[in-house]
Amino acid sequence: MRRFIFAALVLLIANGTINAQKPYISDASIEEQLEFVQKEASSWNQYVLIFDSWFKRLKTNINDTIKVKNSTISRLESTIVSKDSTITALNNQLDRTNKELQQTISEKDAFTFLGMNMQKSLFISIVIFIFFVLLAVTGMALLILQRSNMASRKIKKDLEKLTTEFDDHRQRSRQKYEALVVQHHKEIQKIKEG
């Protein structure tokens, strides 16, 4: 029996040295710490036995990690809110800039002429139309003037011709009249003489 008690004591001592507390891994991630605790813990009657110091360190590390994560979440949420407000402000500014751009473009392309708002393209079209109308009227006026000049030259030539013919006719008539007067005078002289 002594051997049996001695064997049992050796087994208990060996079991105690095997299950002696290993140093806890504080620098590992939470998942690695949980795996370490699960792997190194003892099981007894469907219970898991872990060292109290390990449990306290694991709890502290989990709470610290949760605080850091919550702090990071909080910081990121405030960053998101800040970015959202910046994006909203930039979108509003972009809308205002687009409206100002459209207004500037419409003001650039339009102006007031004779009390009417007109686009420059319409005004330029009207000016070009008026230019071509004036050009056509000027061309017609030049044609009419040229015809008038041609007609007045023709009339002037006809007048000169008629003047020449009239002068010739008047000269001939005067010569005839003088010849008749001379002949009439000669006949009167003949009658007087005779």
N, C-alpha and C. Protein backbone atom coordinates (compact mmCIF):
# COMPACT_ATOMS: atom_id res chain seq x y z
N MET A 1 0.80 -1.16 0.00
CA MET A 1 0.00 0.00 0.00
C MET A 1 0.87 1.26 0.00
N ARG A 2 1.95 1.18 0.64
CA ARG A 2 2.85 2.31 0.64
C ARG A 2 3.27 2.64 -0.78
N ARG A 3 3.48 1.63 -1.52
CA ARG A 3 3.85 1.89 -2.91
C ARG A 3 2.74 2.60 -3.64
N PHE A 4 1.52 2.20 -3.36
CA PHE A 4 0.38 2.83 -4.02
C PHE A 4 0.28 4.30 -3.61
N ILE A 5 0.44 4.62 -2.36
CA ILE A 5 0.37 6.00 -1.86
C ILE A 5 1.54 6.78 -2.43
N PHE A 6 2.73 6.13 -2.45
CA PHE A 6 3.90 6.80 -3.00
C PHE A 6 3.69 7.11 -4.49
N ALA A 7 3.13 6.17 -5.22
CA ALA A 7 2.86 6.38 -6.65
C ALA A 7 1.85 7.48 -6.83
N ALA A 8 0.84 7.53 -5.98
CA ALA A 8 -0.18 8.57 -6.08
C ALA A 8 0.43 9.94 -5.80
N LEU A 9 1.33 9.98 -4.77
CA LEU A 9 1.97 11.25 -4.45
C LEU A 9 2.89 11.70 -5.58
N VAL A 10 3.60 10.77 -6.17
CA VAL A 10 4.47 11.12 -7.29
C VAL A 10 3.62 11.64 -8.46
N LEU A 11 2.52 10.98 -8.69
CA LEU A 11 1.63 11.44 -9.76
C LEU A 11 1.08 12.83 -9.45
N LEU A 12 0.69 13.08 -8.22
CA LEU A 12 0.15 14.41 -7.87
C LEU A 12 1.23 15.48 -7.99
N ILE A 13 2.45 15.19 -7.55
CA ILE A 13 3.53 16.15 -7.64
C ILE A 13 3.88 16.39 -9.10
N ALA A 14 3.94 15.31 -9.87
CA ALA A 14 4.25 15.46 -11.30
C ALA A 14 3.15 16.25 -11.99
N ASN A 15 1.94 15.96 -11.63
CA ASN A 15 0.81 16.70 -12.22
C ASN A 15 0.87 18.17 -11.81
N GLY A 16 1.25 18.46 -10.58
CA GLY A 16 1.36 19.83 -10.11
C GLY A 16 2.46 20.58 -10.81
N THR A 17 3.60 19.93 -11.09
CA THR A 17 4.67 20.61 -11.81
C THR A 17 4.31 20.79 -13.28
N ILE A 18 3.59 19.85 -13.82
CA ILE A 18 3.18 19.99 -15.23
C ILE A 18 2.19 21.13 -15.36
N ASN A 19 1.29 21.20 -14.41
CA ASN A 19 0.26 22.24 -14.47
C ASN A 19 0.69 23.50 -13.75
N ALA A 20 1.94 23.63 -13.45
CA ALA A 20 2.41 24.85 -12.80
C ALA A 20 2.09 26.04 -13.68
N GLN A 21 1.89 27.16 -13.08
CA GLN A 21 1.45 28.36 -13.80
C GLN A 21 2.52 28.82 -14.76
N LYS A 22 2.11 28.87 -16.06
CA LYS A 22 3.01 29.39 -17.10
C LYS A 22 2.87 30.91 -17.09
N PRO A 23 3.90 31.61 -17.56
CA PRO A 23 3.76 33.08 -17.62
C PRO A 23 2.70 33.47 -18.64
N TYR A 24 1.89 34.48 -18.30
CA TYR A 24 0.78 34.93 -19.16
C TYR A 24 1.32 35.77 -20.31
N ILE A 25 0.70 35.67 -21.49
CA ILE A 25 1.17 36.41 -22.68
C ILE A 25 0.32 37.69 -22.83
N SER A 26 0.73 38.74 -22.19
CA SER A 26 -0.04 40.00 -22.19
C SER A 26 0.07 40.76 -23.51
N ASP A 27 1.16 40.57 -24.24
CA ASP A 27 1.38 41.37 -25.45
C ASP A 27 0.68 40.80 -26.67
N ALA A 28 0.03 39.66 -26.54
CA ALA A 28 -0.63 39.03 -27.68
C ALA A 28 -2.00 39.66 -27.90
N SER A 29 -2.59 39.32 -29.05
CA SER A 29 -3.93 39.83 -29.34
C SER A 29 -4.94 39.13 -28.46
N ILE A 30 -6.16 39.67 -28.41
CA ILE A 30 -7.21 39.10 -27.57
C ILE A 30 -7.49 37.66 -28.00
N GLU A 31 -7.56 37.42 -29.29
CA GLU A 31 -7.82 36.06 -29.77
C GLU A 31 -6.72 35.10 -29.31
N GLU A 32 -5.47 35.53 -29.43
CA GLU A 32 -4.35 34.68 -29.01
C GLU A 32 -4.38 34.45 -27.49
N GLN A 33 -4.75 35.47 -26.72
CA GLN A 33 -4.85 35.32 -25.26
C GLN A 33 -5.96 34.33 -24.91
N LEU A 34 -7.10 34.41 -25.59
CA LEU A 34 -8.20 33.47 -25.32
C LEU A 34 -7.79 32.04 -25.68
N GLU A 35 -7.10 31.87 -26.79
CA GLU A 35 -6.62 30.54 -27.18
C GLU A 35 -5.62 30.01 -26.15
N PHE A 36 -4.74 30.88 -25.65
CA PHE A 36 -3.76 30.48 -24.64
C PHE A 36 -4.46 30.00 -23.39
N VAL A 37 -5.45 30.77 -22.91
CA VAL A 37 -6.17 30.41 -21.69
C VAL A 37 -6.92 29.10 -21.89
N GLN A 38 -7.57 28.95 -23.06
CA GLN A 38 -8.32 27.73 -23.33
C GLN A 38 -7.39 26.52 -23.40
N LYS A 39 -6.25 26.69 -23.99
CA LYS A 39 -5.31 25.58 -24.17
C LYS A 39 -4.65 25.19 -22.85
N GLU A 40 -4.28 26.18 -22.05
CA GLU A 40 -3.53 25.92 -20.82
C GLU A 40 -4.43 25.66 -19.61
N ALA A 41 -5.73 25.90 -19.73
CA ALA A 41 -6.62 25.71 -18.58
C ALA A 41 -6.84 24.22 -18.34
N SER A 42 -7.18 23.89 -17.11
CA SER A 42 -7.45 22.50 -16.75
C SER A 42 -8.94 22.25 -16.85
N SER A 43 -9.28 21.01 -17.15
CA SER A 43 -10.69 20.63 -17.21
C SER A 43 -10.98 19.66 -16.06
N TRP A 44 -12.12 19.84 -15.45
CA TRP A 44 -12.54 18.93 -14.40
C TRP A 44 -14.05 18.86 -14.38
N ASN A 45 -14.59 17.72 -14.61
CA ASN A 45 -16.03 17.50 -14.55
C ASN A 45 -16.80 18.50 -15.40
N GLN A 46 -16.45 18.66 -16.59
CA GLN A 46 -17.02 19.59 -17.55
C GLN A 46 -16.88 21.05 -17.14
N TYR A 47 -15.95 21.34 -16.24
CA TYR A 47 -15.62 22.71 -15.86
C TYR A 47 -14.22 23.01 -16.36
N VAL A 48 -14.00 24.27 -16.67
CA VAL A 48 -12.67 24.68 -17.09
C VAL A 48 -12.09 25.50 -15.96
N LEU A 49 -10.92 25.11 -15.52
CA LEU A 49 -10.28 25.80 -14.41
C LEU A 49 -9.13 26.63 -14.98
N ILE A 50 -9.18 27.94 -14.71
CA ILE A 50 -8.08 28.81 -15.14
C ILE A 50 -7.57 29.54 -13.92
N PHE A 51 -6.33 29.95 -14.00
CA PHE A 51 -5.75 30.69 -12.87
C PHE A 51 -6.43 32.05 -12.78
N ASP A 52 -6.64 32.46 -11.55
CA ASP A 52 -7.31 33.74 -11.29
C ASP A 52 -6.50 34.90 -11.87
N SER A 53 -5.19 34.84 -11.79
CA SER A 53 -4.36 35.93 -12.31
C SER A 53 -4.50 36.02 -13.84
N TRP A 54 -4.59 34.85 -14.48
CA TRP A 54 -4.80 34.86 -15.93
C TRP A 54 -6.14 35.49 -16.27
N PHE A 55 -7.18 35.10 -15.53
CA PHE A 55 -8.52 35.63 -15.80
C PHE A 55 -8.54 37.15 -15.61
N LYS A 56 -7.89 37.64 -14.54
CA LYS A 56 -7.87 39.09 -14.27
C LYS A 56 -7.11 39.83 -15.38
N ARG A 57 -5.97 39.27 -15.79
CA ARG A 57 -5.21 39.91 -16.87
C ARG A 57 -6.00 39.90 -18.19
N LEU A 58 -6.63 38.74 -18.47
CA LEU A 58 -7.44 38.65 -19.68
C LEU A 58 -8.59 39.65 -19.65
N LYS A 59 -9.25 39.77 -18.51
CA LYS A 59 -10.36 40.72 -18.36
C LYS A 59 -9.85 42.15 -18.53
N THR A 60 -8.71 42.48 -17.90
CA THR A 60 -8.14 43.82 -18.01
C THR A 60 -7.76 44.12 -19.46
N ASN A 61 -7.12 43.15 -20.09
CA ASN A 61 -6.71 43.35 -21.49
C ASN A 61 -7.93 43.51 -22.41
N ILE A 62 -8.95 42.69 -22.16
CA ILE A 62 -10.18 42.82 -22.97
C ILE A 62 -10.81 44.18 -22.77
N ASN A 63 -10.90 44.63 -21.52
CA ASN A 63 -11.49 45.96 -21.24
C ASN A 63 -10.66 47.07 -21.86
N ASP A 64 -9.32 46.94 -21.76
CA ASP A 64 -8.45 47.95 -22.37
C ASP A 64 -8.63 47.96 -23.89
N THR A 65 -8.71 46.77 -24.48
CA THR A 65 -8.90 46.69 -25.94
C THR A 65 -10.24 47.29 -26.33
N ILE A 66 -11.27 46.99 -25.54
CA ILE A 66 -12.60 47.56 -25.84
C ILE A 66 -12.57 49.07 -25.72
N LYS A 67 -11.88 49.60 -24.70
CA LYS A 67 -11.77 51.06 -24.54
C LYS A 67 -11.04 51.68 -25.74
N VAL A 68 -9.94 51.03 -26.14
CA VAL A 68 -9.19 51.55 -27.29
C VAL A 68 -10.06 51.52 -28.54
N LYS A 69 -10.76 50.38 -28.73
CA LYS A 69 -11.64 50.26 -29.91
C LYS A 69 -12.76 51.28 -29.85
N ASN A 70 -13.36 51.46 -28.66
CA ASN A 70 -14.42 52.46 -28.52
C ASN A 70 -13.90 53.86 -28.78
N SER A 71 -12.70 54.12 -28.29
CA SER A 71 -12.08 55.42 -28.54
C SER A 71 -11.84 55.62 -30.03
N THR A 72 -11.33 54.55 -30.67
CA THR A 72 -11.09 54.62 -32.12
C THR A 72 -12.40 54.80 -32.87
N ILE A 73 -13.43 54.05 -32.46
CA ILE A 73 -14.76 54.19 -33.09
C ILE A 73 -15.28 55.59 -32.91
N SER A 74 -15.15 56.10 -31.68
CA SER A 74 -15.63 57.45 -31.40
C SER A 74 -14.89 58.48 -32.24
N ARG A 75 -13.55 58.34 -32.31
CA ARG A 75 -12.74 59.25 -33.12
C ARG A 75 -13.13 59.16 -34.59
N LEU A 76 -13.30 57.91 -35.07
CA LEU A 76 -13.68 57.73 -36.48
C LEU A 76 -15.08 58.27 -36.77
N GLU A 77 -16.00 58.08 -35.81
CA GLU A 77 -17.35 58.64 -35.99
C GLU A 77 -17.31 60.16 -36.06
N SER A 78 -16.50 60.77 -35.18
CA SER A 78 -16.39 62.24 -35.24
C SER A 78 -15.71 62.67 -36.53
N THR A 79 -14.74 61.87 -36.99
CA THR A 79 -14.10 62.17 -38.28
C THR A 79 -15.11 62.04 -39.41
N ILE A 80 -15.94 61.01 -39.36
CA ILE A 80 -16.98 60.81 -40.39
C ILE A 80 -17.95 61.98 -40.37
N VAL A 81 -18.38 62.38 -39.16
CA VAL A 81 -19.31 63.52 -39.06
C VAL A 81 -18.65 64.78 -39.61
N SER A 82 -17.38 64.97 -39.27
CA SER A 82 -16.64 66.14 -39.78
C SER A 82 -16.52 66.08 -41.30
N LYS A 83 -16.19 64.89 -41.80
CA LYS A 83 -16.07 64.73 -43.26
C LYS A 83 -17.43 64.93 -43.94
N ASP A 84 -18.49 64.39 -43.31
CA ASP A 84 -19.84 64.58 -43.89
C ASP A 84 -20.22 66.05 -43.94
N SER A 85 -19.91 66.77 -42.85
CA SER A 85 -20.24 68.20 -42.86
C SER A 85 -19.38 68.94 -43.88
N THR A 86 -18.11 68.52 -44.00
CA THR A 86 -17.24 69.13 -45.02
C THR A 86 -17.75 68.83 -46.42
N ILE A 87 -18.17 67.57 -46.64
CA ILE A 87 -18.71 67.18 -47.96
C ILE A 87 -19.99 67.97 -48.24
N THR A 88 -20.86 68.10 -47.25
CA THR A 88 -22.10 68.87 -47.43
C THR A 88 -21.78 70.32 -47.76
N ALA A 89 -20.82 70.90 -47.02
CA ALA A 89 -20.44 72.29 -47.28
C ALA A 89 -19.84 72.43 -48.67
N LEU A 90 -19.00 71.47 -49.05
CA LEU A 90 -18.39 71.53 -50.38
C LEU A 90 -19.44 71.33 -51.49
N ASN A 91 -20.41 70.44 -51.26
CA ASN A 91 -21.50 70.25 -52.23
C ASN A 91 -22.33 71.52 -52.37
N ASN A 92 -22.62 72.17 -51.23
CA ASN A 92 -23.36 73.43 -51.29
C ASN A 92 -22.56 74.50 -52.03
N GLN A 93 -21.26 74.55 -51.74
CA GLN A 93 -20.41 75.52 -52.43
C GLN A 93 -20.33 75.19 -53.92
N LEU A 94 -20.26 73.91 -54.26
CA LEU A 94 -20.24 73.49 -55.67
C LEU A 94 -21.54 73.88 -56.36
N ASP A 95 -22.68 73.70 -55.68
CA ASP A 95 -23.97 74.11 -56.26
C ASP A 95 -23.99 75.62 -56.49
N ARG A 96 -23.53 76.39 -55.50
CA ARG A 96 -23.49 77.85 -55.66
C ARG A 96 -22.56 78.24 -56.80
N THR A 97 -21.40 77.57 -56.87
CA THR A 97 -20.44 77.87 -57.93
C THR A 97 -21.02 77.53 -59.30
N ASN A 98 -21.72 76.39 -59.40
CA ASN A 98 -22.36 76.03 -60.67
C ASN A 98 -23.43 77.03 -61.06
N LYS A 99 -24.22 77.48 -60.08
CA LYS A 99 -25.25 78.50 -60.38
C LYS A 99 -24.59 79.80 -60.84
N GLU A 100 -23.53 80.20 -60.13
CA GLU A 100 -22.82 81.42 -60.52
C GLU A 100 -22.20 81.26 -61.90
N LEU A 101 -21.68 80.08 -62.19
CA LEU A 101 -21.09 79.82 -63.50
C LEU A 101 -22.15 79.93 -64.59
N GLN A 102 -23.33 79.32 -64.37
CA GLN A 102 -24.40 79.40 -65.36
C GLN A 102 -24.86 80.85 -65.53
N GLN A 103 -24.96 81.57 -64.42
CA GLN A 103 -25.37 82.97 -64.49
C GLN A 103 -24.31 83.79 -65.23
N THR A 104 -23.04 83.53 -64.96
CA THR A 104 -21.96 84.25 -65.63
C THR A 104 -21.95 83.95 -67.12
N ILE A 105 -22.16 82.68 -67.46
CA ILE A 105 -22.19 82.30 -68.88
C ILE A 105 -23.36 82.97 -69.57
N SER A 106 -24.55 82.98 -68.92
CA SER A 106 -25.70 83.62 -69.56
C SER A 106 -25.50 85.13 -69.65
N GLU A 107 -24.86 85.74 -68.63
CA GLU A 107 -24.58 87.18 -68.69
C GLU A 107 -23.53 87.47 -69.75
N LYS A 108 -22.58 86.57 -69.91
CA LYS A 108 -21.53 86.76 -70.91
C LYS A 108 -22.12 86.66 -72.31
N ASP A 109 -23.08 85.76 -72.48
CA ASP A 109 -23.68 85.54 -73.79
C ASP A 109 -24.85 86.48 -74.06
N ALA A 110 -25.24 87.31 -73.10
CA ALA A 110 -26.39 88.18 -73.30
C ALA A 110 -26.05 89.60 -72.84
N PHE A 111 -26.76 90.56 -73.43
CA PHE A 111 -26.63 91.94 -73.00
C PHE A 111 -27.91 92.68 -73.38
N THR A 112 -28.02 93.90 -72.91
CA THR A 112 -29.22 94.68 -73.16
C THR A 112 -28.98 95.60 -74.34
N PHE A 113 -29.88 95.54 -75.31
CA PHE A 113 -29.79 96.40 -76.49
C PHE A 113 -31.18 96.96 -76.75
N LEU A 114 -31.28 98.28 -76.73
CA LEU A 114 -32.55 98.98 -76.91
C LEU A 114 -33.60 98.50 -75.90
N GLY A 115 -33.15 98.25 -74.67
CA GLY A 115 -34.06 97.87 -73.61
C GLY A 115 -34.47 96.40 -73.63
N MET A 116 -33.92 95.61 -74.53
CA MET A 116 -34.26 94.20 -74.61
C MET A 116 -33.04 93.36 -74.26
N ASN A 117 -33.27 92.30 -73.48
CA ASN A 117 -32.18 91.37 -73.20
C ASN A 117 -32.03 90.44 -74.38
N MET A 118 -30.83 90.36 -74.90
CA MET A 118 -30.56 89.52 -76.07
C MET A 118 -29.32 88.70 -75.83
N GLN A 119 -29.30 87.54 -76.45
CA GLN A 119 -28.08 86.76 -76.46
C GLN A 119 -27.19 87.32 -77.55
N LYS A 120 -25.89 87.19 -77.34
CA LYS A 120 -24.95 87.74 -78.31
C LYS A 120 -25.11 87.08 -79.67
N SER A 121 -25.39 85.79 -79.69
CA SER A 121 -25.55 85.10 -80.97
C SER A 121 -26.75 85.66 -81.74
N LEU A 122 -27.86 85.95 -81.03
CA LEU A 122 -29.02 86.55 -81.69
C LEU A 122 -28.68 87.96 -82.19
N PHE A 123 -28.00 88.74 -81.34
CA PHE A 123 -27.62 90.08 -81.74
C PHE A 123 -26.71 90.06 -82.96
N ILE A 124 -25.72 89.15 -82.94
CA ILE A 124 -24.80 89.06 -84.08
C ILE A 124 -25.56 88.64 -85.33
N SER A 125 -26.53 87.72 -85.19
CA SER A 125 -27.35 87.31 -86.34
C SER A 125 -28.13 88.50 -86.89
N ILE A 126 -28.71 89.31 -85.99
CA ILE A 126 -29.47 90.49 -86.43
C ILE A 126 -28.54 91.48 -87.13
N VAL A 127 -27.36 91.72 -86.55
CA VAL A 127 -26.41 92.66 -87.15
C VAL A 127 -25.98 92.17 -88.54
N ILE A 128 -25.69 90.87 -88.65
CA ILE A 128 -25.29 90.32 -89.95
C ILE A 128 -26.44 90.44 -90.95
N PHE A 129 -27.68 90.16 -90.49
CA PHE A 129 -28.84 90.29 -91.38
C PHE A 129 -29.00 91.74 -91.84
N ILE A 130 -28.89 92.67 -90.89
CA ILE A 130 -29.00 94.09 -91.25
C ILE A 130 -27.88 94.48 -92.20
N PHE A 131 -26.66 93.99 -91.97
CA PHE A 131 -25.54 94.28 -92.84
C PHE A 131 -25.83 93.81 -94.27
N PHE A 132 -26.32 92.57 -94.40
CA PHE A 132 -26.61 92.05 -95.73
C PHE A 132 -27.77 92.79 -96.38
N VAL A 133 -28.77 93.19 -95.58
CA VAL A 133 -29.89 93.98 -96.12
C VAL A 133 -29.37 95.32 -96.62
N LEU A 134 -28.53 95.97 -95.79
CA LEU A 134 -27.97 97.26 -96.22
C LEU A 134 -27.07 97.08 -97.44
N LEU A 135 -26.33 96.00 -97.49
CA LEU A 135 -25.49 95.72 -98.64
C LEU A 135 -26.35 95.52 -99.89
N ALA A 136 -27.47 94.78 -99.75
CA ALA A 136 -28.37 94.58 -100.89
C ALA A 136 -29.01 95.90 -101.31
N VAL A 137 -29.45 96.70 -100.33
CA VAL A 137 -30.06 98.01 -100.65
C VAL A 137 -29.04 98.91 -101.33
N THR A 138 -27.79 98.89 -100.83
CA THR A 138 -26.74 99.69 -101.45
C THR A 138 -26.48 99.23 -102.87
N GLY A 139 -26.44 97.90 -103.07
CA GLY A 139 -26.26 97.37 -104.41
C GLY A 139 -27.39 97.79 -105.34
N MET A 140 -28.63 97.69 -104.84
CA MET A 140 -29.78 98.10 -105.67
C MET A 140 -29.71 99.59 -105.97
N ALA A 141 -29.33 100.40 -104.93
CA ALA A 141 -29.22 101.84 -105.14
C ALA A 141 -28.13 102.14 -106.18
N LEU A 142 -27.02 101.41 -106.12
CA LEU A 142 -25.97 101.62 -107.12
C LEU A 142 -26.45 101.24 -108.52
N LEU A 143 -27.20 100.13 -108.62
CA LEU A 143 -27.76 99.74 -109.92
C LEU A 143 -28.72 100.81 -110.45
N ILE A 144 -29.58 101.28 -109.54
CA ILE A 144 -30.54 102.33 -109.96
C ILE A 144 -29.78 103.59 -110.35
N LEU A 145 -28.76 103.96 -109.60
CA LEU A 145 -27.96 105.14 -109.91
C LEU A 145 -27.24 104.96 -111.24
N GLN A 146 -26.70 103.75 -111.45
CA GLN A 146 -26.01 103.50 -112.72
C GLN A 146 -26.99 103.58 -113.88
N ARG A 147 -28.18 103.00 -113.73
CA ARG A 147 -29.19 103.10 -114.79
C ARG A 147 -29.58 104.56 -115.01
N SER A 148 -29.73 105.27 -113.88
CA SER A 148 -30.10 106.68 -113.99
C SER A 148 -29.00 107.45 -114.72
N ASN A 149 -27.73 107.17 -114.38
CA ASN A 149 -26.63 107.83 -115.07
C ASN A 149 -26.62 107.49 -116.56
N MET A 150 -26.84 106.20 -116.84
CA MET A 150 -26.88 105.80 -118.24
C MET A 150 -28.04 106.50 -118.96
N ALA A 151 -29.19 106.57 -118.30
CA ALA A 151 -30.35 107.23 -118.91
C ALA A 151 -30.07 108.72 -119.08
N SER A 152 -29.45 109.34 -118.05
CA SER A 152 -29.17 110.77 -118.18
C SER A 152 -28.11 111.02 -119.26
N ARG A 153 -27.12 110.12 -119.40
CA ARG A 153 -26.14 110.27 -120.49
C ARG A 153 -26.84 110.14 -121.85
N LYS A 154 -27.73 109.17 -121.93
CA LYS A 154 -28.46 108.99 -123.20
C LYS A 154 -29.31 110.21 -123.50
N ILE A 155 -29.98 110.70 -122.45
CA ILE A 155 -30.82 111.89 -122.65
C ILE A 155 -29.94 113.08 -123.02
N LYS A 156 -28.76 113.16 -122.37
CA LYS A 156 -27.85 114.26 -122.68
C LYS A 156 -27.39 114.17 -124.13
N LYS A 157 -27.04 112.94 -124.58
CA LYS A 157 -26.64 112.77 -125.98
C LYS A 157 -27.79 113.13 -126.91
N ASP A 158 -28.99 112.62 -126.52
CA ASP A 158 -30.17 112.95 -127.36
C ASP A 158 -30.40 114.46 -127.37
N LEU A 159 -30.21 115.10 -126.23
CA LEU A 159 -30.39 116.55 -126.17
C LEU A 159 -29.35 117.25 -127.03
N GLU A 160 -28.09 116.79 -126.93
CA GLU A 160 -27.05 117.40 -127.76
C GLU A 160 -27.37 117.19 -129.24
N LYS A 161 -27.82 115.97 -129.56
CA LYS A 161 -28.19 115.68 -130.96
C LYS A 161 -29.34 116.57 -131.39
N LEU A 162 -30.35 116.66 -130.52
CA LEU A 162 -31.50 117.51 -130.87
C LEU A 162 -31.08 118.98 -130.95
N THR A 163 -30.17 119.36 -130.02
CA THR A 163 -29.70 120.76 -130.07
C THR A 163 -28.97 121.00 -131.38
N THR A 164 -28.13 120.04 -131.75
CA THR A 164 -27.40 120.17 -133.02
C THR A 164 -28.38 120.20 -134.18
N GLU A 165 -29.33 119.28 -134.15
CA GLU A 165 -30.33 119.26 -135.24
C GLU A 165 -31.14 120.54 -135.23
N PHE A 166 -31.50 121.01 -134.04
CA PHE A 166 -32.28 122.25 -133.95
C PHE A 166 -31.47 123.43 -134.48
N ASP A 167 -30.16 123.47 -134.06
CA ASP A 167 -29.32 124.54 -134.57
C ASP A 167 -29.18 124.46 -136.09
N ASP A 168 -29.00 123.21 -136.59
CA ASP A 168 -28.94 123.04 -138.06
C ASP A 168 -30.26 123.47 -138.69
N HIS A 169 -31.36 123.04 -138.10
CA HIS A 169 -32.68 123.39 -138.66
C HIS A 169 -32.90 124.91 -138.58
N ARG A 170 -32.53 125.49 -137.45
CA ARG A 170 -32.67 126.93 -137.31
C ARG A 170 -31.78 127.65 -138.32
N GLN A 171 -30.55 127.14 -138.49
CA GLN A 171 -29.64 127.74 -139.47
C GLN A 171 -30.26 127.63 -140.86
N ARG A 172 -30.74 126.45 -141.21
CA ARG A 172 -31.34 126.27 -142.53
C ARG A 172 -32.59 127.14 -142.67
N SER A 173 -33.40 127.15 -141.57
CA SER A 173 -34.60 127.98 -141.64
C SER A 173 -34.23 129.46 -141.81
N ARG A 174 -33.25 129.90 -141.07
CA ARG A 174 -32.82 131.27 -141.21
C ARG A 174 -32.29 131.54 -142.61
N GLN A 175 -31.50 130.59 -143.11
CA GLN A 175 -31.00 130.76 -144.48
C GLN A 175 -32.16 130.78 -145.46
N LYS A 176 -33.15 129.90 -145.27
CA LYS A 176 -34.32 129.88 -146.15
C LYS A 176 -35.07 131.19 -146.01
N TYR A 177 -35.24 131.60 -144.74
CA TYR A 177 -35.96 132.85 -144.53
C TYR A 177 -35.21 134.02 -145.17
N GLU A 178 -33.90 134.03 -144.98
CA GLU A 178 -33.12 135.10 -145.60
C GLU A 178 -33.22 135.01 -147.12
N ALA A 179 -33.13 133.75 -147.61
CA ALA A 179 -33.25 133.59 -149.06
C ALA A 179 -34.63 134.04 -149.52
N LEU A 180 -35.67 133.72 -148.76
CA LEU A 180 -37.03 134.15 -149.11
C LEU A 180 -37.14 135.68 -149.01
N VAL A 181 -36.55 136.21 -147.95
CA VAL A 181 -36.60 137.66 -147.80
C VAL A 181 -35.86 138.31 -148.96
N VAL A 182 -34.70 137.78 -149.30
CA VAL A 182 -33.94 138.35 -150.41
C VAL A 182 -34.75 138.18 -151.68
N GLN A 183 -35.33 137.02 -151.88
CA GLN A 183 -36.13 136.80 -153.09
C GLN A 183 -37.35 137.70 -153.05
N HIS A 184 -37.98 137.80 -151.91
CA HIS A 184 -39.14 138.67 -151.79
C HIS A 184 -38.73 140.14 -152.03
N HIS A 185 -37.63 140.50 -151.54
CA HIS A 185 -37.13 141.85 -151.77
C HIS A 185 -36.81 142.06 -153.25
N LYS A 186 -36.27 141.07 -153.90
CA LYS A 186 -35.96 141.18 -155.33
C LYS A 186 -37.26 141.26 -156.08
N GLU A 187 -38.24 140.55 -155.72
CA GLU A 187 -39.50 140.59 -156.46
C GLU A 187 -40.17 141.97 -156.22
N ILE A 188 -40.05 142.45 -155.03
CA ILE A 188 -40.62 143.77 -154.76
C ILE A 188 -39.84 144.79 -155.60
N GLN A 189 -38.62 144.63 -155.71
CA GLN A 189 -37.80 145.53 -156.54
C GLN A 189 -38.19 145.37 -158.01
N LYS A 190 -38.43 144.19 -158.41
CA LYS A 190 -38.82 143.96 -159.81
C LYS A 190 -40.16 144.62 -160.03
N ILE A 191 -41.03 144.48 -159.06
CA ILE A 191 -42.35 145.07 -159.24
C ILE A 191 -42.19 146.57 -159.21
N LYS A 192 -41.39 147.10 -158.42
CA LYS A 192 -41.19 148.53 -158.36
C LYS A 192 -40.51 148.97 -159.64
N GLU A 193 -39.72 148.31 -160.19
CA GLU A 193 -39.01 148.68 -161.42
C GLU A 193 -39.96 148.42 -162.59
N GLY A 194 -40.67 147.71 -162.44
CA GLY A 194 -41.33 147.36 -163.57
C GLY A 194 -42.58 147.55 -164.01
